[in-house]
Amino acid sequence: MANEYEAEQKRLISEVEENEKALIELQKQTVDMKMLYQGLMEFTEMKQLTPTVVNKLIERIEIYNDEKKHSHNNVKVDIFLRQSGYLTSQQSSSLLIQWKE
């Protein structure tokens, strides 16, 4: 019975450690999203996209080789934001359309 108790204690301790790591990661993501939100709030009234804005919001842009499909050239573009990861080409296109409106 003591062996079962000790095994359960070890299992529970490891679960707590795993959950603490997961919590720290979620807190980091929350902070990143808050920083992105604060950064975006600075630019809500922006009329023109300037190099300063681009440098503040975008970490890097990856442009891939073009692919020819049905007589159209398609180029995949990934935009990595500083605070929240990256956008796919479709996501960035929809954001651009919303920004223009």
Foldseek 3Di string as FASTA:
>chain_A
DVVVVVVVVVVVVVVVVVVVVVVVVVVLLVVLVVVLVVLVVVCPVPPDDDPVNCVQFWPDKDWDDWDADPNDTDIWMWTATPRHGIDTPVRVVVVVVVVVD
